[in-house]
Amino acid sequence: LYREFGDPAYLDFSKRVAARLLAKA
């Protein structure tokens, strides 16, 4: 969605998800 629409809020949420992923690894 970030690449499609350019809304940085979508990239921020993707990074929140990635942070959770790394914490669960």
mmCIF file of all heavy atoms, coordinates in Angstrom:
data_MODEL
# 
_entry.id   MODEL 
# 
loop_
_atom_site.group_PDB 
_atom_site.id 
_atom_site.type_symbol 
_atom_site.label_atom_id 
_atom_site.label_alt_id 
_atom_site.label_comp_id 
_atom_site.label_asym_id 
_atom_site.label_entity_id 
_atom_site.label_seq_id 
_atom_site.pdbx_PDB_ins_code 
_atom_site.Cartn_x 
_atom_site.Cartn_y 
_atom_site.Cartn_z 
_atom_site.occupancy 
_atom_site.B_iso_or_equiv 
_atom_site.pdbx_formal_charge 
_atom_site.auth_seq_id 
_atom_site.auth_comp_id 
_atom_site.auth_asym_id 
_atom_site.auth_atom_id 
_atom_site.pdbx_PDB_model_num 
ATOM 1   N N   . LEU A 1 1  ? 0.831  -1.206  0.000  1.00 0.00 ? 1  LEU A N   1 
ATOM 2   C CA  . LEU A 1 1  ? 0.000  0.000   0.000  1.00 0.00 ? 1  LEU A CA  1 
ATOM 3   C C   . LEU A 1 1  ? 0.866  1.256   0.000  1.00 0.00 ? 1  LEU A C   1 
ATOM 4   O O   . LEU A 1 1  ? 0.543  2.247   -0.671 1.00 0.00 ? 1  LEU A O   1 
ATOM 5   C CB  . LEU A 1 1  ? -0.930 0.006   1.205  1.00 0.00 ? 1  LEU A CB  1 
ATOM 6   C CG  . LEU A 1 1  ? -2.022 -1.064  1.244  1.00 0.00 ? 1  LEU A CG  1 
ATOM 7   C CD1 . LEU A 1 1  ? -2.906 -0.875  2.473  1.00 0.00 ? 1  LEU A CD1 1 
ATOM 8   C CD2 . LEU A 1 1  ? -2.865 -1.056  -0.021 1.00 0.00 ? 1  LEU A CD2 1 
ATOM 9   N N   . TYR A 1 2  ? 1.951  1.230   0.743  1.00 0.00 ? 2  TYR A N   1 
ATOM 10  C CA  . TYR A 1 2  ? 2.856  2.373   0.759  1.00 0.00 ? 2  TYR A CA  1 
ATOM 11  C C   . TYR A 1 2  ? 3.442  2.603   -0.627 1.00 0.00 ? 2  TYR A C   1 
ATOM 12  O O   . TYR A 1 2  ? 3.478  3.747   -1.127 1.00 0.00 ? 2  TYR A O   1 
ATOM 13  C CB  . TYR A 1 2  ? 3.970  2.141   1.773  1.00 0.00 ? 2  TYR A CB  1 
ATOM 14  C CG  . TYR A 1 2  ? 5.108  3.130   1.653  1.00 0.00 ? 2  TYR A CG  1 
ATOM 15  C CD1 . TYR A 1 2  ? 4.916  4.480   1.932  1.00 0.00 ? 2  TYR A CD1 1 
ATOM 16  C CD2 . TYR A 1 2  ? 6.373  2.705   1.226  1.00 0.00 ? 2  TYR A CD2 1 
ATOM 17  C CE1 . TYR A 1 2  ? 5.955  5.392   1.798  1.00 0.00 ? 2  TYR A CE1 1 
ATOM 18  C CE2 . TYR A 1 2  ? 7.413  3.613   1.097  1.00 0.00 ? 2  TYR A CE2 1 
ATOM 19  C CZ  . TYR A 1 2  ? 7.195  4.952   1.390  1.00 0.00 ? 2  TYR A CZ  1 
ATOM 20  O OH  . TYR A 1 2  ? 8.224  5.847   1.246  1.00 0.00 ? 2  TYR A OH  1 
ATOM 21  N N   . ARG A 1 3  ? 3.882  1.531   -1.286 1.00 0.00 ? 3  ARG A N   1 
ATOM 22  C CA  . ARG A 1 3  ? 4.456  1.681   -2.620 1.00 0.00 ? 3  ARG A CA  1 
ATOM 23  C C   . ARG A 1 3  ? 3.399  2.126   -3.630 1.00 0.00 ? 3  ARG A C   1 
ATOM 24  O O   . ARG A 1 3  ? 3.701  2.825   -4.593 1.00 0.00 ? 3  ARG A O   1 
ATOM 25  C CB  . ARG A 1 3  ? 5.083  0.361   -3.079 1.00 0.00 ? 3  ARG A CB  1 
ATOM 26  C CG  . ARG A 1 3  ? 6.226  -0.151  -2.196 1.00 0.00 ? 3  ARG A CG  1 
ATOM 27  C CD  . ARG A 1 3  ? 7.432  0.784   -2.201 1.00 0.00 ? 3  ARG A CD  1 
ATOM 28  N NE  . ARG A 1 3  ? 8.067  0.871   -3.492 1.00 0.00 ? 3  ARG A NE  1 
ATOM 29  C CZ  . ARG A 1 3  ? 9.046  0.082   -3.924 1.00 0.00 ? 3  ARG A CZ  1 
ATOM 30  N NH1 . ARG A 1 3  ? 9.497  -0.878  -3.142 1.00 0.00 ? 3  ARG A NH1 1 
ATOM 31  N NH2 . ARG A 1 3  ? 9.590  0.252   -5.110 1.00 0.00 ? 3  ARG A NH2 1 
ATOM 32  N N   . GLU A 1 4  ? 2.144  1.730   -3.400 1.00 0.00 ? 4  GLU A N   1 
ATOM 33  C CA  . GLU A 1 4  ? 1.067  2.067   -4.323 1.00 0.00 ? 4  GLU A CA  1 
ATOM 34  C C   . GLU A 1 4  ? 0.571  3.503   -4.138 1.00 0.00 ? 4  GLU A C   1 
ATOM 35  O O   . GLU A 1 4  ? 0.333  4.226   -5.111 1.00 0.00 ? 4  GLU A O   1 
ATOM 36  C CB  . GLU A 1 4  ? -0.102 1.093   -4.124 1.00 0.00 ? 4  GLU A CB  1 
ATOM 37  C CG  . GLU A 1 4  ? -1.194 1.191   -5.154 1.00 0.00 ? 4  GLU A CG  1 
ATOM 38  C CD  . GLU A 1 4  ? -0.853 0.500   -6.466 1.00 0.00 ? 4  GLU A CD  1 
ATOM 39  O OE1 . GLU A 1 4  ? 0.162  -0.216  -6.534 1.00 0.00 ? 4  GLU A OE1 1 
ATOM 40  O OE2 . GLU A 1 4  ? -1.621 0.692   -7.433 1.00 0.00 ? 4  GLU A OE2 1 
ATOM 41  N N   . PHE A 1 5  ? 0.395  3.924   -2.877 1.00 0.00 ? 5  PHE A N   1 
ATOM 42  C CA  . PHE A 1 5  ? -0.245 5.213   -2.587 1.00 0.00 ? 5  PHE A CA  1 
ATOM 43  C C   . PHE A 1 5  ? 0.704  6.267   -2.028 1.00 0.00 ? 5  PHE A C   1 
ATOM 44  O O   . PHE A 1 5  ? 0.364  7.448   -1.995 1.00 0.00 ? 5  PHE A O   1 
ATOM 45  C CB  . PHE A 1 5  ? -1.401 5.022   -1.604 1.00 0.00 ? 5  PHE A CB  1 
ATOM 46  C CG  . PHE A 1 5  ? -2.447 4.055   -2.084 1.00 0.00 ? 5  PHE A CG  1 
ATOM 47  C CD1 . PHE A 1 5  ? -2.794 2.950   -1.332 1.00 0.00 ? 5  PHE A CD1 1 
ATOM 48  C CD2 . PHE A 1 5  ? -3.079 4.251   -3.301 1.00 0.00 ? 5  PHE A CD2 1 
ATOM 49  C CE1 . PHE A 1 5  ? -3.758 2.058   -1.771 1.00 0.00 ? 5  PHE A CE1 1 
ATOM 50  C CE2 . PHE A 1 5  ? -4.045 3.363   -3.750 1.00 0.00 ? 5  PHE A CE2 1 
ATOM 51  C CZ  . PHE A 1 5  ? -4.385 2.267   -2.983 1.00 0.00 ? 5  PHE A CZ  1 
ATOM 52  N N   . GLY A 1 6  ? 1.875  5.834   -1.538 1.00 0.00 ? 6  GLY A N   1 
ATOM 53  C CA  . GLY A 1 6  ? 2.838  6.792   -1.018 1.00 0.00 ? 6  GLY A CA  1 
ATOM 54  C C   . GLY A 1 6  ? 2.533  7.333   0.362  1.00 0.00 ? 6  GLY A C   1 
ATOM 55  O O   . GLY A 1 6  ? 3.171  8.297   0.799  1.00 0.00 ? 6  GLY A O   1 
ATOM 56  N N   . ASP A 1 7  ? 1.585  6.750   1.073  1.00 0.00 ? 7  ASP A N   1 
ATOM 57  C CA  . ASP A 1 7  ? 1.222  7.236   2.402  1.00 0.00 ? 7  ASP A CA  1 
ATOM 58  C C   . ASP A 1 7  ? 2.213  6.684   3.423  1.00 0.00 ? 7  ASP A C   1 
ATOM 59  O O   . ASP A 1 7  ? 2.270  5.475   3.660  1.00 0.00 ? 7  ASP A O   1 
ATOM 60  C CB  . ASP A 1 7  ? -0.199 6.790   2.747  1.00 0.00 ? 7  ASP A CB  1 
ATOM 61  C CG  . ASP A 1 7  ? -0.707 7.380   4.054  1.00 0.00 ? 7  ASP A CG  1 
ATOM 62  O OD1 . ASP A 1 7  ? 0.115  7.839   4.866  1.00 0.00 ? 7  ASP A OD1 1 
ATOM 63  O OD2 . ASP A 1 7  ? -1.935 7.378   4.252  1.00 0.00 ? 7  ASP A OD2 1 
ATOM 64  N N   . PRO A 1 8  ? 2.995  7.548   4.080  1.00 0.00 ? 8  PRO A N   1 
ATOM 65  C CA  . PRO A 1 8  ? 4.003  7.045   5.024  1.00 0.00 ? 8  PRO A CA  1 
ATOM 66  C C   . PRO A 1 8  ? 3.400  6.325   6.219  1.00 0.00 ? 8  PRO A C   1 
ATOM 67  O O   . PRO A 1 8  ? 4.086  5.539   6.869  1.00 0.00 ? 8  PRO A O   1 
ATOM 68  C CB  . PRO A 1 8  ? 4.758  8.308   5.451  1.00 0.00 ? 8  PRO A CB  1 
ATOM 69  C CG  . PRO A 1 8  ? 3.854  9.448   5.119  1.00 0.00 ? 8  PRO A CG  1 
ATOM 70  C CD  . PRO A 1 8  ? 3.057  9.014   3.940  1.00 0.00 ? 8  PRO A CD  1 
ATOM 71  N N   . ALA A 1 9  ? 2.120  6.566   6.515  1.00 0.00 ? 9  ALA A N   1 
ATOM 72  C CA  . ALA A 1 9  ? 1.484  5.864   7.633  1.00 0.00 ? 9  ALA A CA  1 
ATOM 73  C C   . ALA A 1 9  ? 1.441  4.357   7.359  1.00 0.00 ? 9  ALA A C   1 
ATOM 74  O O   . ALA A 1 9  ? 1.541  3.547   8.300  1.00 0.00 ? 9  ALA A O   1 
ATOM 75  C CB  . ALA A 1 9  ? 0.078  6.403   7.865  1.00 0.00 ? 9  ALA A CB  1 
ATOM 76  N N   . TYR A 1 10 ? 1.302  3.991   6.102  1.00 0.00 ? 10 TYR A N   1 
ATOM 77  C CA  . TYR A 1 10 ? 1.295  2.565   5.769  1.00 0.00 ? 10 TYR A CA  1 
ATOM 78  C C   . TYR A 1 10 ? 2.677  1.950   5.969  1.00 0.00 ? 10 TYR A C   1 
ATOM 79  O O   . TYR A 1 10 ? 2.805  0.826   6.460  1.00 0.00 ? 10 TYR A O   1 
ATOM 80  C CB  . TYR A 1 10 ? 0.830  2.364   4.326  1.00 0.00 ? 10 TYR A CB  1 
ATOM 81  C CG  . TYR A 1 10 ? -0.631 2.660   4.093  1.00 0.00 ? 10 TYR A CG  1 
ATOM 82  C CD1 . TYR A 1 10 ? -1.074 3.205   2.887  1.00 0.00 ? 10 TYR A CD1 1 
ATOM 83  C CD2 . TYR A 1 10 ? -1.594 2.398   5.069  1.00 0.00 ? 10 TYR A CD2 1 
ATOM 84  C CE1 . TYR A 1 10 ? -2.423 3.475   2.661  1.00 0.00 ? 10 TYR A CE1 1 
ATOM 85  C CE2 . TYR A 1 10 ? -2.939 2.658   4.854  1.00 0.00 ? 10 TYR A CE2 1 
ATOM 86  C CZ  . TYR A 1 10 ? -3.342 3.200   3.650  1.00 0.00 ? 10 TYR A CZ  1 
ATOM 87  O OH  . TYR A 1 10 ? -4.678 3.454   3.431  1.00 0.00 ? 10 TYR A OH  1 
ATOM 88  N N   . LEU A 1 11 ? 3.718  2.669   5.610  1.00 0.00 ? 11 LEU A N   1 
ATOM 89  C CA  . LEU A 1 11 ? 5.071  2.170   5.840  1.00 0.00 ? 11 LEU A CA  1 
ATOM 90  C C   . LEU A 1 11 ? 5.346  2.069   7.335  1.00 0.00 ? 11 LEU A C   1 
ATOM 91  O O   . LEU A 1 11 ? 5.955  1.099   7.796  1.00 0.00 ? 11 LEU A O   1 
ATOM 92  C CB  . LEU A 1 11 ? 6.102  3.077   5.175  1.00 0.00 ? 11 LEU A CB  1 
ATOM 93  C CG  . LEU A 1 11 ? 7.564  2.662   5.346  1.00 0.00 ? 11 LEU A CG  1 
ATOM 94  C CD1 . LEU A 1 11 ? 7.819  1.275   4.778  1.00 0.00 ? 11 LEU A CD1 1 
ATOM 95  C CD2 . LEU A 1 11 ? 8.487  3.684   4.686  1.00 0.00 ? 11 LEU A CD2 1 
ATOM 96  N N   . ASP A 1 12 ? 4.901  3.043   8.098  1.00 0.00 ? 12 ASP A N   1 
ATOM 97  C CA  . ASP A 1 12 ? 5.093  2.992   9.544  1.00 0.00 ? 12 ASP A CA  1 
ATOM 98  C C   . ASP A 1 12 ? 4.439  1.747   10.146 1.00 0.00 ? 12 ASP A C   1 
ATOM 99  O O   . ASP A 1 12 ? 5.011  1.090   11.021 1.00 0.00 ? 12 ASP A O   1 
ATOM 100 C CB  . ASP A 1 12 ? 4.510  4.249   10.203 1.00 0.00 ? 12 ASP A CB  1 
ATOM 101 C CG  . ASP A 1 12 ? 5.310  5.499   9.887  1.00 0.00 ? 12 ASP A CG  1 
ATOM 102 O OD1 . ASP A 1 12 ? 6.463  5.370   9.426  1.00 0.00 ? 12 ASP A OD1 1 
ATOM 103 O OD2 . ASP A 1 12 ? 4.780  6.608   10.079 1.00 0.00 ? 12 ASP A OD2 1 
ATOM 104 N N   . PHE A 1 13 ? 3.232  1.421   9.666  1.00 0.00 ? 13 PHE A N   1 
ATOM 105 C CA  . PHE A 1 13 ? 2.557  0.243   10.202 1.00 0.00 ? 13 PHE A CA  1 
ATOM 106 C C   . PHE A 1 13 ? 3.286  -1.031  9.790  1.00 0.00 ? 13 PHE A C   1 
ATOM 107 O O   . PHE A 1 13 ? 3.408  -1.974  10.588 1.00 0.00 ? 13 PHE A O   1 
ATOM 108 C CB  . PHE A 1 13 ? 1.105  0.198   9.740  1.00 0.00 ? 13 PHE A CB  1 
ATOM 109 C CG  . PHE A 1 13 ? 0.280  -0.811  10.497 1.00 0.00 ? 13 PHE A CG  1 
ATOM 110 C CD1 . PHE A 1 13 ? -0.143 -0.546  11.786 1.00 0.00 ? 13 PHE A CD1 1 
ATOM 111 C CD2 . PHE A 1 13 ? -0.044 -2.035  9.927  1.00 0.00 ? 13 PHE A CD2 1 
ATOM 112 C CE1 . PHE A 1 13 ? -0.897 -1.485  12.497 1.00 0.00 ? 13 PHE A CE1 1 
ATOM 113 C CE2 . PHE A 1 13 ? -0.791 -2.974  10.615 1.00 0.00 ? 13 PHE A CE2 1 
ATOM 114 C CZ  . PHE A 1 13 ? -1.222 -2.700  11.909 1.00 0.00 ? 13 PHE A CZ  1 
ATOM 115 N N   . SER A 1 14 ? 3.774  -1.072  8.562  1.00 0.00 ? 14 SER A N   1 
ATOM 116 C CA  . SER A 1 14 ? 4.545  -2.232  8.132  1.00 0.00 ? 14 SER A CA  1 
ATOM 117 C C   . SER A 1 14 ? 5.766  -2.419  9.032  1.00 0.00 ? 14 SER A C   1 
ATOM 118 O O   . SER A 1 14 ? 6.118  -3.558  9.390  1.00 0.00 ? 14 SER A O   1 
ATOM 119 C CB  . SER A 1 14 ? 4.976  -2.062  6.671  1.00 0.00 ? 14 SER A CB  1 
ATOM 120 O OG  . SER A 1 14 ? 5.615  -3.229  6.186  1.00 0.00 ? 14 SER A OG  1 
ATOM 121 N N   . LYS A 1 15 ? 6.407  -1.329  9.408  1.00 0.00 ? 15 LYS A N   1 
ATOM 122 C CA  . LYS A 1 15 ? 7.570  -1.434  10.289 1.00 0.00 ? 15 LYS A CA  1 
ATOM 123 C C   . LYS A 1 15 ? 7.176  -1.862  11.702 1.00 0.00 ? 15 LYS A C   1 
ATOM 124 O O   . LYS A 1 15 ? 7.945  -2.562  12.376 1.00 0.00 ? 15 LYS A O   1 
ATOM 125 C CB  . LYS A 1 15 ? 8.314  -0.093  10.318 1.00 0.00 ? 15 LYS A CB  1 
ATOM 126 C CG  . LYS A 1 15 ? 9.023  0.217   9.002  1.00 0.00 ? 15 LYS A CG  1 
ATOM 127 C CD  . LYS A 1 15 ? 9.754  1.547   9.058  1.00 0.00 ? 15 LYS A CD  1 
ATOM 128 C CE  . LYS A 1 15 ? 10.512 1.805   7.750  1.00 0.00 ? 15 LYS A CE  1 
ATOM 129 N NZ  . LYS A 1 15 ? 11.224 3.103   7.769  1.00 0.00 ? 15 LYS A NZ  1 
ATOM 130 N N   . ARG A 1 16 ? 5.982  -1.477  12.146 1.00 0.00 ? 16 ARG A N   1 
ATOM 131 C CA  . ARG A 1 16 ? 5.494  -1.970  13.438 1.00 0.00 ? 16 ARG A CA  1 
ATOM 132 C C   . ARG A 1 16 ? 5.309  -3.481  13.393 1.00 0.00 ? 16 ARG A C   1 
ATOM 133 O O   . ARG A 1 16 ? 5.650  -4.201  14.342 1.00 0.00 ? 16 ARG A O   1 
ATOM 134 C CB  . ARG A 1 16 ? 4.163  -1.303  13.795 1.00 0.00 ? 16 ARG A CB  1 
ATOM 135 C CG  . ARG A 1 16 ? 4.287  0.023   14.507 1.00 0.00 ? 16 ARG A CG  1 
ATOM 136 C CD  . ARG A 1 16 ? 2.928  0.645   14.728 1.00 0.00 ? 16 ARG A CD  1 
ATOM 137 N NE  . ARG A 1 16 ? 2.027  -0.200  15.494 1.00 0.00 ? 16 ARG A NE  1 
ATOM 138 C CZ  . ARG A 1 16 ? 0.727  0.052   15.639 1.00 0.00 ? 16 ARG A CZ  1 
ATOM 139 N NH1 . ARG A 1 16 ? 0.172  1.111   15.033 1.00 0.00 ? 16 ARG A NH1 1 
ATOM 140 N NH2 . ARG A 1 16 ? -0.031 -0.746  16.368 1.00 0.00 ? 16 ARG A NH2 1 
ATOM 141 N N   . VAL A 1 17 ? 4.768  -3.961  12.287 1.00 0.00 ? 17 VAL A N   1 
ATOM 142 C CA  . VAL A 1 17 ? 4.603  -5.402  12.118 1.00 0.00 ? 17 VAL A CA  1 
ATOM 143 C C   . VAL A 1 17 ? 5.966  -6.090  12.101 1.00 0.00 ? 17 VAL A C   1 
ATOM 144 O O   . VAL A 1 17 ? 6.158  -7.139  12.736 1.00 0.00 ? 17 VAL A O   1 
ATOM 145 C CB  . VAL A 1 17 ? 3.824  -5.701  10.828 1.00 0.00 ? 17 VAL A CB  1 
ATOM 146 C CG1 . VAL A 1 17 ? 3.805  -7.198  10.541 1.00 0.00 ? 17 VAL A CG1 1 
ATOM 147 C CG2 . VAL A 1 17 ? 2.397  -5.167  10.922 1.00 0.00 ? 17 VAL A CG2 1 
ATOM 148 N N   . ALA A 1 18 ? 6.926  -5.507  11.389 1.00 0.00 ? 18 ALA A N   1 
ATOM 149 C CA  . ALA A 1 18 ? 8.264  -6.089  11.328 1.00 0.00 ? 18 ALA A CA  1 
ATOM 150 C C   . ALA A 1 18 ? 8.915  -6.122  12.709 1.00 0.00 ? 18 ALA A C   1 
ATOM 151 O O   . ALA A 1 18 ? 9.602  -7.089  13.054 1.00 0.00 ? 18 ALA A O   1 
ATOM 152 C CB  . ALA A 1 18 ? 9.134  -5.310  10.348 1.00 0.00 ? 18 ALA A CB  1 
ATOM 153 N N   . ALA A 1 19 ? 8.693  -5.091  13.504 1.00 0.00 ? 19 ALA A N   1 
ATOM 154 C CA  . ALA A 1 19 ? 9.245  -5.071  14.857 1.00 0.00 ? 19 ALA A CA  1 
ATOM 155 C C   . ALA A 1 19 ? 8.684  -6.222  15.684 1.00 0.00 ? 19 ALA A C   1 
ATOM 156 O O   . ALA A 1 19 ? 9.403  -6.876  16.450 1.00 0.00 ? 19 ALA A O   1 
ATOM 157 C CB  . ALA A 1 19 ? 8.938  -3.731  15.527 1.00 0.00 ? 19 ALA A CB  1 
ATOM 158 N N   . ARG A 1 20 ? 7.390  -6.457  15.516 1.00 0.00 ? 20 ARG A N   1 
ATOM 159 C CA  . ARG A 1 20 ? 6.768  -7.580  16.222 1.00 0.00 ? 20 ARG A CA  1 
ATOM 160 C C   . ARG A 1 20 ? 7.341  -8.910  15.726 1.00 0.00 ? 20 ARG A C   1 
ATOM 161 O O   . ARG A 1 20 ? 7.597  -9.830  16.518 1.00 0.00 ? 20 ARG A O   1 
ATOM 162 C CB  . ARG A 1 20 ? 5.253  -7.530  16.009 1.00 0.00 ? 20 ARG A CB  1 
ATOM 163 C CG  . ARG A 1 20 ? 4.467  -8.625  16.705 1.00 0.00 ? 20 ARG A CG  1 
ATOM 164 C CD  . ARG A 1 20 ? 4.496  -8.473  18.196 1.00 0.00 ? 20 ARG A CD  1 
ATOM 165 N NE  . ARG A 1 20 ? 3.618  -9.446  18.826 1.00 0.00 ? 20 ARG A NE  1 
ATOM 166 C CZ  . ARG A 1 20 ? 3.770  -9.882  20.066 1.00 0.00 ? 20 ARG A CZ  1 
ATOM 167 N NH1 . ARG A 1 20 ? 4.757  -9.412  20.828 1.00 0.00 ? 20 ARG A NH1 1 
ATOM 168 N NH2 . ARG A 1 20 ? 2.925  -10.757 20.579 1.00 0.00 ? 20 ARG A NH2 1 
ATOM 169 N N   . LEU A 1 21 ? 7.537  -9.012  14.420 1.00 0.00 ? 21 LEU A N   1 
ATOM 170 C CA  . LEU A 1 21 ? 8.141  -10.221 13.857 1.00 0.00 ? 21 LEU A CA  1 
ATOM 171 C C   . LEU A 1 21 ? 9.522  -10.486 14.443 1.00 0.00 ? 21 LEU A C   1 
ATOM 172 O O   . LEU A 1 21 ? 9.845  -11.613 14.841 1.00 0.00 ? 21 LEU A O   1 
ATOM 173 C CB  . LEU A 1 21 ? 8.272  -10.070 12.337 1.00 0.00 ? 21 LEU A CB  1 
ATOM 174 C CG  . LEU A 1 21 ? 7.212  -10.666 11.424 1.00 0.00 ? 21 LEU A CG  1 
ATOM 175 C CD1 . LEU A 1 21 ? 7.531  -10.315 9.982  1.00 0.00 ? 21 LEU A CD1 1 
ATOM 176 C CD2 . LEU A 1 21 ? 7.113  -12.177 11.594 1.00 0.00 ? 21 LEU A CD2 1 
ATOM 177 N N   . LEU A 1 22 ? 10.343 -9.454  14.485 1.00 0.00 ? 22 LEU A N   1 
ATOM 178 C CA  . LEU A 1 22 ? 11.704 -9.628  14.996 1.00 0.00 ? 22 LEU A CA  1 
ATOM 179 C C   . LEU A 1 22 ? 11.690 -9.965  16.479 1.00 0.00 ? 22 LEU A C   1 
ATOM 180 O O   . LEU A 1 22 ? 12.522 -10.743 16.964 1.00 0.00 ? 22 LEU A O   1 
ATOM 181 C CB  . LEU A 1 22 ? 12.525 -8.371  14.732 1.00 0.00 ? 22 LEU A CB  1 
ATOM 182 C CG  . LEU A 1 22 ? 12.715 -7.999  13.256 1.00 0.00 ? 22 LEU A CG  1 
ATOM 183 C CD1 . LEU A 1 22 ? 13.640 -6.800  13.111 1.00 0.00 ? 22 LEU A CD1 1 
ATOM 184 C CD2 . LEU A 1 22 ? 13.247 -9.178  12.449 1.00 0.00 ? 22 LEU A CD2 1 
ATOM 185 N N   . ALA A 1 23 ? 10.719 -9.401  17.211 1.00 0.00 ? 23 ALA A N   1 
ATOM 186 C CA  . ALA A 1 23 ? 10.630 -9.696  18.642 1.00 0.00 ? 23 ALA A CA  1 
ATOM 187 C C   . ALA A 1 23 ? 10.210 -11.147 18.885 1.00 0.00 ? 23 ALA A C   1 
ATOM 188 O O   . ALA A 1 23 ? 10.591 -11.737 19.911 1.00 0.00 ? 23 ALA A O   1 
ATOM 189 C CB  . ALA A 1 23 ? 9.635  -8.746  19.306 1.00 0.00 ? 23 ALA A CB  1 
ATOM 190 N N   . LYS A 1 24 ? 9.440  -11.726 17.969 1.00 0.00 ? 24 LYS A N   1 
ATOM 191 C CA  . LYS A 1 24 ? 8.963  -13.093 18.137 1.00 0.00 ? 24 LYS A CA  1 
ATOM 192 C C   . LYS A 1 24 ? 9.944  -14.135 17.597 1.00 0.00 ? 24 LYS A C   1 
ATOM 193 O O   . LYS A 1 24 ? 9.741  -15.335 17.783 1.00 0.00 ? 24 LYS A O   1 
ATOM 194 C CB  . LYS A 1 24 ? 7.614  -13.269 17.424 1.00 0.00 ? 24 LYS A CB  1 
ATOM 195 C CG  . LYS A 1 24 ? 6.457  -12.556 18.099 1.00 0.00 ? 24 LYS A CG  1 
ATOM 196 C CD  . LYS A 1 24 ? 5.195  -12.640 17.270 1.00 0.00 ? 24 LYS A CD  1 
ATOM 197 C CE  . LYS A 1 24 ? 4.632  -14.049 17.217 1.00 0.00 ? 24 LYS A CE  1 
ATOM 198 N NZ  . LYS A 1 24 ? 4.105  -14.492 18.530 1.00 0.00 ? 24 LYS A NZ  1 
ATOM 199 N N   . ALA A 1 25 ? 10.988 -13.691 16.931 1.00 0.00 ? 25 ALA A N   1 
ATOM 200 C CA  . ALA A 1 25 ? 11.922 -14.630 16.308 1.00 0.00 ? 25 ALA A CA  1 
ATOM 201 C C   . ALA A 1 25 ? 12.802 -15.318 17.344 1.00 0.00 ? 25 ALA A C   1 
ATOM 202 O O   . ALA A 1 25 ? 13.073 -14.784 18.423 1.00 0.00 ? 25 ALA A O   1 
ATOM 203 C CB  . ALA A 1 25 ? 12.796 -13.894 15.299 1.00 0.00 ? 25 ALA A CB  1 
# 
